[in-house]
């Protein structure tokens, strides 16, 4: 369950990725938080504006429309690949979408289910970025803009230690949506994955030289091995370490203590941990997901 980035952390993350970022008016305090909760955060959603022109598009996304108040996203990515920040907090961009898609994003599943329902508040859980494009299928996507979409997505994923699977399109979330039209989301996620495998580029200094980003420091915790790792008969020291952490958290349901083989006792214990974090129903099925795993902080075996 990721805490939303502060305005300063968001700005730094984007600039550290090598992006040109413009701060629009009072974007740091511009939000719809009075209308509903903001967070925990689970992903990044990409849209197209269905407009033309940078200034008018940015103003629209900041101010909103008569039927939909702004901000309509958190940032606007223009044709030059520059980012205009227009909001920080809850924004009117995602609307209601499919809870099964949200669950898949939280778990960072390899495949997203079909967005059949509109039953879950996406404005609460997703950062939203509008890309200036008419959305008619003919308006081109300049290379600079495509790269900026990659960088924006990678910047936020780095900040939350998410993978590329935490990035989705509006068309994958809400039935009937087509944006971002002309962007194949699977291909985009593949490019984001490659970008995340390298260090962030760093923002250019005033003299044009590149800043060398600090080497990332990672805590000594086991990375999430994926849900498929936890299957009947699986054996690993990681499972033992997980069980020991569950016991320490008061969620252990073992007769003889945790061991290296995945058993029903592990599933029962992990389900207790998921419920402790506030998950319910299918989200507390006893099989680790990325969010609950990172909260457990299993030490390296």
Protein backbone atom coordinates (compact mmCIF):
# COMPACT_ATOMS: atom_id res chain seq x y z
CA UNK A 1 0.00 0.00 0.00
CA UNK A 2 2.05 2.93 -1.28
CA UNK A 3 1.67 6.34 0.29
CA UNK A 4 1.12 9.06 -2.35
CA UNK A 5 4.24 10.99 -3.32
CA UNK A 6 4.43 14.52 -2.00
CA UNK A 7 4.57 17.28 -4.60
CA UNK A 8 8.31 17.73 -4.01
CA UNK A 9 9.05 14.01 -4.30
CA UNK A 10 7.02 13.73 -7.49
CA UNK A 11 8.78 16.70 -9.04
CA UNK A 12 12.20 15.34 -8.09
CA UNK A 13 11.41 11.86 -9.39
CA UNK A 14 10.39 13.24 -12.78
CA UNK A 15 13.40 15.52 -13.10
CA UNK A 16 15.77 12.79 -11.95
CA UNK A 17 14.48 10.73 -14.87
CA UNK A 18 15.75 13.45 -17.20
CA UNK A 19 12.41 15.13 -17.95
CA UNK A 20 11.72 18.81 -18.52
CA UNK A 21 8.98 19.65 -16.02
CA UNK A 22 6.86 22.82 -15.79
CA UNK A 23 4.98 23.70 -12.61
CA UNK A 24 1.55 25.11 -13.51
CA UNK A 25 0.01 27.70 -11.20
CA UNK A 26 -0.87 26.24 -7.77
CA UNK A 27 -0.56 22.61 -8.83
CA UNK A 28 0.95 21.54 -5.48
CA UNK A 29 -2.34 22.15 -3.66
CA UNK A 30 -4.74 21.67 -6.59
CA UNK A 31 -6.78 18.49 -6.08
CA UNK A 32 -10.20 16.93 -5.43
CA UNK A 33 -9.33 15.52 -1.99
CA UNK A 34 -12.45 17.08 -0.48
CA UNK A 35 -14.56 14.77 -2.67
CA UNK A 36 -12.98 11.46 -1.71
CA UNK A 37 -9.90 9.64 -0.42
CA UNK A 38 -6.50 9.85 -2.07
CA UNK A 39 -4.39 6.69 -1.80
CA UNK A 40 -3.08 4.14 -1.21
CA UNK A 41 -1.44 4.27 -4.62
CA UNK A 42 -1.27 1.27 -6.91
CA UNK A 43 -0.27 2.45 -10.38
CA UNK A 44 0.09 4.95 -13.22
CA UNK A 45 -2.63 5.49 -15.82
CA UNK A 46 -1.95 6.92 -19.30
CA UNK A 47 -4.57 8.90 -21.26
CA UNK A 48 -4.85 11.05 -24.39
CA UNK A 49 -6.42 14.50 -24.14
CA UNK A 50 -8.52 14.40 -27.34
CA UNK A 51 -7.38 18.02 -27.84
CA UNK A 52 -4.82 20.00 -29.81
CA UNK A 53 -2.39 22.68 -28.64
CA UNK A 54 -0.26 22.76 -25.53
CA UNK A 55 -1.54 25.86 -23.72
CA UNK A 56 -5.24 25.12 -24.19
CA UNK A 57 -4.77 21.45 -23.28
CA UNK A 58 -2.85 22.28 -20.11
CA UNK A 59 -5.46 24.87 -19.09
CA UNK A 60 -8.26 22.38 -19.69
CA UNK A 61 -6.56 19.72 -17.58
CA UNK A 62 -5.95 22.25 -14.79
CA UNK A 63 -9.39 23.88 -14.79
CA UNK A 64 -11.57 21.02 -15.96
CA UNK A 65 -14.95 21.41 -17.65
CA UNK A 66 -18.34 22.59 -16.48
CA UNK A 67 -19.39 18.98 -15.95
CA UNK A 68 -16.05 17.75 -14.58
CA UNK A 69 -13.93 20.02 -12.36
CA UNK A 70 -10.14 19.98 -12.56
CA UNK A 71 -7.58 18.78 -12.14
CA UNK A 72 -8.26 16.17 -14.80
CA UNK A 73 -4.88 14.51 -14.25
CA UNK A 74 -1.60 15.08 -12.44
CA UNK A 75 0.49 15.96 -15.44
CA UNK A 76 0.17 16.74 -19.15
CA UNK A 77 2.80 15.39 -21.57
CA UNK A 78 3.08 17.63 -24.62
CA UNK A 79 4.26 16.84 -28.13
CA UNK A 80 7.81 17.96 -27.31
CA UNK A 81 8.00 15.48 -24.46
CA UNK A 82 7.78 18.09 -21.72
CA UNK A 83 5.63 17.57 -18.63
CA UNK A 84 3.24 20.16 -17.19
CA UNK A 85 2.20 19.38 -13.60
CA UNK A 86 -1.40 20.48 -12.96
CA UNK A 87 -2.43 18.65 -9.80
CA UNK A 88 -1.27 16.87 -6.69
CA UNK A 89 -3.78 14.63 -4.96
CA UNK A 90 -7.07 13.19 -6.10
CA UNK A 91 -7.83 14.11 -9.74
CA UNK A 92 -10.77 13.44 -12.07
CA UNK A 93 -9.03 11.19 -14.58
CA UNK A 94 -9.67 7.49 -14.04
CA UNK A 95 -13.29 7.31 -12.91
CA UNK A 96 -14.86 3.96 -12.12
CA UNK A 97 -13.14 0.86 -13.45
CA UNK A 98 -12.85 -2.88 -12.99
CA UNK A 99 -11.87 -4.17 -9.53
CA UNK A 100 -10.31 -7.27 -11.13
CA UNK A 101 -7.98 -5.02 -13.12
CA UNK A 102 -7.03 -3.16 -9.94
CA UNK A 103 -6.27 -6.46 -8.21
CA UNK A 104 -4.06 -7.52 -11.13
CA UNK A 105 -2.19 -4.21 -11.02
CA UNK A 106 -1.66 -4.51 -7.26
CA UNK A 107 -0.26 -8.02 -7.72
CA UNK A 108 1.62 -6.94 -10.86
CA UNK A 109 0.23 -9.92 -12.77
CA UNK A 110 1.68 -10.70 -16.18
CA UNK A 111 -1.73 -10.36 -17.86
CA UNK A 112 -4.59 -7.97 -17.18
CA UNK A 113 -8.16 -9.27 -17.13
CA UNK A 114 -10.77 -7.76 -19.41
CA UNK A 115 -12.25 -4.53 -18.05
CA UNK A 116 -15.86 -5.70 -17.88
CA UNK A 117 -17.11 -3.68 -14.92
CA UNK A 118 -17.07 -0.10 -13.64
CA UNK A 119 -17.32 -0.69 -9.90
CA UNK A 120 -14.10 0.66 -8.36
CA UNK A 121 -12.82 4.20 -7.76
CA UNK A 122 -9.70 4.67 -9.86
CA UNK A 123 -9.19 8.35 -8.98
CA UNK A 124 -8.16 7.20 -5.52
CA UNK A 125 -5.46 4.75 -6.55
CA UNK A 126 -3.83 5.92 -9.81
CA UNK A 127 -1.55 8.75 -10.88
CA UNK A 128 -2.92 10.07 -14.17
CA UNK A 129 -1.03 11.59 -17.11
CA UNK A 130 -2.76 13.09 -20.12
CA UNK A 131 -0.81 13.05 -23.39
CA UNK A 132 -1.69 15.70 -25.96
CA UNK A 133 -3.19 13.84 -28.91
CA UNK A 134 -6.47 14.25 -30.76
CA UNK A 135 -7.24 10.56 -30.31
CA UNK A 136 -8.55 10.19 -33.86
CA UNK A 137 -6.06 7.47 -34.77
CA UNK A 138 -4.34 9.80 -37.25
CA UNK A 139 -2.63 12.30 -34.96
CA UNK A 140 1.02 11.15 -34.71
CA UNK A 141 2.87 10.36 -31.51
CA UNK A 142 6.26 12.08 -31.81
CA UNK A 143 9.24 10.11 -30.54
CA UNK A 144 9.96 12.79 -27.93
CA UNK A 145 6.47 12.35 -26.52
CA UNK A 146 6.68 8.55 -26.51
CA UNK A 147 9.97 8.65 -24.64
CA UNK A 148 8.52 11.09 -22.14
CA UNK A 149 5.62 8.69 -21.46
CA UNK A 150 8.20 5.98 -20.73
CA UNK A 151 10.17 8.28 -18.46
CA UNK A 152 7.16 9.56 -16.52
CA UNK A 153 6.00 6.00 -15.91
CA UNK A 154 9.48 4.80 -14.96
CA UNK A 155 10.01 7.73 -12.59
CA UNK A 156 6.93 6.92 -10.54
CA UNK A 157 7.61 3.19 -10.64
CA UNK A 158 11.14 3.81 -9.32
CA UNK A 159 9.80 6.04 -6.56
CA UNK A 160 7.42 3.30 -5.36
CA UNK A 161 9.65 0.33 -6.31
CA UNK A 162 7.00 -0.92 -8.72
CA UNK A 163 7.62 -2.82 -11.94
CA UNK A 164 6.35 -1.86 -15.40
CA UNK A 165 3.21 -3.90 -14.69
CA UNK A 166 1.93 -1.06 -12.52
CA UNK A 167 1.40 1.07 -15.65
CA UNK A 168 -1.89 0.76 -17.54
CA UNK A 169 -3.91 2.64 -20.12
CA UNK A 170 -7.34 4.14 -19.49
CA UNK A 171 -8.63 1.69 -22.11
CA UNK A 172 -7.50 -1.21 -19.89
CA UNK A 173 -9.34 0.16 -16.86
CA UNK A 174 -12.76 1.48 -17.84
CA UNK A 175 -15.14 -0.21 -20.30
CA UNK A 176 -15.64 1.80 -23.49
CA UNK A 177 -12.47 3.89 -23.25
CA UNK A 178 -9.95 3.88 -26.11
CA UNK A 179 -7.17 6.05 -24.76
CA UNK A 180 -4.34 6.29 -25.29
CA UNK A 181 -5.31 5.49 -28.87
CA UNK A 182 -2.35 4.45 -30.97
CA UNK A 183 -0.24 3.32 -28.00
CA UNK A 184 0.08 -0.45 -27.55
CA UNK A 185 0.27 -0.77 -23.78
CA UNK A 186 2.08 -4.12 -23.82
CA UNK A 187 4.83 -2.60 -25.97
CA UNK A 188 4.99 0.45 -23.72
CA UNK A 189 5.39 -1.70 -20.63
CA UNK A 190 8.21 -3.57 -22.35
CA UNK A 191 10.06 -0.29 -22.96
CA UNK A 192 9.46 0.83 -19.37
CA UNK A 193 10.89 -2.47 -18.15
CA UNK A 194 14.09 -1.86 -20.12
CA UNK A 195 14.32 1.69 -18.77
CA UNK A 196 13.87 0.52 -15.17
CA UNK A 197 16.74 -1.94 -15.65
CA UNK A 198 19.08 1.06 -15.99
CA UNK A 199 19.83 3.96 -13.69
CA UNK A 200 17.75 7.10 -14.13
CA UNK A 201 19.31 9.52 -16.60
CA UNK A 202 19.35 12.49 -14.24
CA UNK A 203 18.22 16.01 -15.03
CA UNK A 204 20.58 18.23 -17.06
CA UNK A 205 22.47 20.94 -15.20
CA UNK A 206 22.29 24.54 -16.32
CA UNK A 207 25.52 24.07 -18.32
CA UNK A 208 24.04 21.11 -20.16
CA UNK A 209 26.11 18.44 -18.43
CA UNK A 210 24.40 15.38 -17.01
CA UNK A 211 24.07 14.78 -13.31
CA UNK A 212 25.23 11.34 -12.20
CA UNK A 213 22.40 9.83 -10.16
CA UNK A 214 23.36 8.27 -6.83
CA UNK A 215 23.64 4.52 -6.79
CA UNK A 216 20.35 3.20 -5.44
CA UNK A 217 20.48 1.72 -1.98
CA UNK A 218 18.18 -1.26 -1.51
CA UNK A 219 17.28 -2.64 1.91
CA UNK A 220 18.32 -6.25 2.59
CA UNK A 221 14.87 -7.68 1.89
CA UNK A 222 13.85 -10.46 -0.45
CA UNK A 223 12.28 -9.08 -3.65
CA UNK A 224 8.80 -10.32 -4.48
CA UNK A 225 9.28 -13.66 -6.30
CA UNK A 226 5.84 -13.64 -7.94
CA UNK A 227 2.64 -15.42 -7.02
CA UNK A 228 3.55 -18.52 -9.03
CA UNK A 229 6.49 -19.11 -6.69
CA UNK A 230 4.08 -20.08 -3.91
CA UNK A 231 2.70 -23.40 -5.10
CA UNK A 232 2.23 -26.82 -3.54
CA UNK A 233 5.56 -28.58 -3.14
CA UNK A 234 7.72 -25.48 -3.63
CA UNK A 235 10.80 -25.44 -1.38
CA UNK A 236 13.08 -22.49 -0.63
CA UNK A 237 14.81 -20.77 2.30
CA UNK A 238 12.72 -17.76 1.31
CA UNK A 239 9.59 -19.60 2.47
CA UNK A 240 11.20 -20.28 5.85
CA UNK A 241 12.21 -16.62 6.21
CA UNK A 242 8.69 -15.56 5.26
CA UNK A 243 7.21 -17.85 7.92
CA UNK A 244 9.52 -16.46 10.57
CA UNK A 245 8.40 -12.93 9.72
CA UNK A 246 4.75 -14.00 9.90
CA UNK A 247 5.35 -15.44 13.36
CA UNK A 248 7.04 -12.19 14.41
CA UNK A 249 3.99 -10.26 13.19
CA UNK A 250 1.67 -12.47 15.28
CA UNK A 251 0.22 -14.15 12.18
CA UNK A 252 1.93 -17.54 12.41
CA UNK A 253 -0.30 -20.63 12.41
CA UNK A 254 2.35 -23.34 12.52
CA UNK A 255 2.38 -26.47 14.71
CA UNK A 256 6.12 -27.10 14.44
CA UNK A 257 7.32 -23.73 13.17
CA UNK A 258 7.87 -22.56 9.59
CA UNK A 259 9.90 -24.63 7.16
CA UNK A 260 11.21 -24.37 3.59
CA UNK A 261 8.24 -26.14 1.93
CA UNK A 262 5.10 -24.19 1.02
CA UNK A 263 2.20 -25.72 2.96
CA UNK A 264 -1.37 -24.96 3.93
CA UNK A 265 -0.02 -23.58 7.21
CA UNK A 266 1.92 -20.98 5.21
CA UNK A 267 -1.20 -20.06 3.27
CA UNK A 268 -3.26 -19.74 6.46
CA UNK A 269 -0.56 -17.64 8.12
CA UNK A 270 -0.15 -15.36 5.13
CA UNK A 271 -3.92 -14.86 4.86
CA UNK A 272 -3.85 -13.65 8.48
CA UNK A 273 -1.13 -11.14 7.49
CA UNK A 274 -3.18 -9.92 4.52
CA UNK A 275 -6.21 -9.41 6.78
CA UNK A 276 -4.01 -7.55 9.25
CA UNK A 277 -3.13 -5.13 6.43
CA UNK A 278 -6.82 -4.61 5.69
CA UNK A 279 -7.26 -6.91 2.68
CA UNK A 280 -10.51 -8.84 2.46
CA UNK A 281 -12.15 -11.51 0.29
CA UNK A 282 -10.09 -12.63 -2.70
CA UNK A 283 -7.36 -10.17 -1.73
CA UNK A 284 -6.75 -12.22 1.44
CA UNK A 285 -6.42 -15.64 -0.19
CA UNK A 286 -3.13 -16.49 1.51
CA UNK A 287 -1.00 -16.24 -1.65
CA UNK A 288 1.53 -13.38 -1.40
CA UNK A 289 1.07 -10.35 -3.64
CA UNK A 290 3.64 -7.64 -4.18
CA UNK A 291 2.08 -5.05 -1.85
CA UNK A 292 1.68 -7.34 1.15
CA UNK A 293 5.09 -8.95 0.50
CA UNK A 294 6.94 -5.64 0.53
CA UNK A 295 5.15 -4.67 3.74
CA UNK A 296 6.26 -7.94 5.37
CA UNK A 297 9.96 -7.20 4.69
CA UNK A 298 11.30 -10.71 4.48
CA UNK A 299 15.08 -10.59 5.13
CA UNK A 300 17.46 -11.98 2.52
CA UNK A 301 17.98 -15.67 3.15
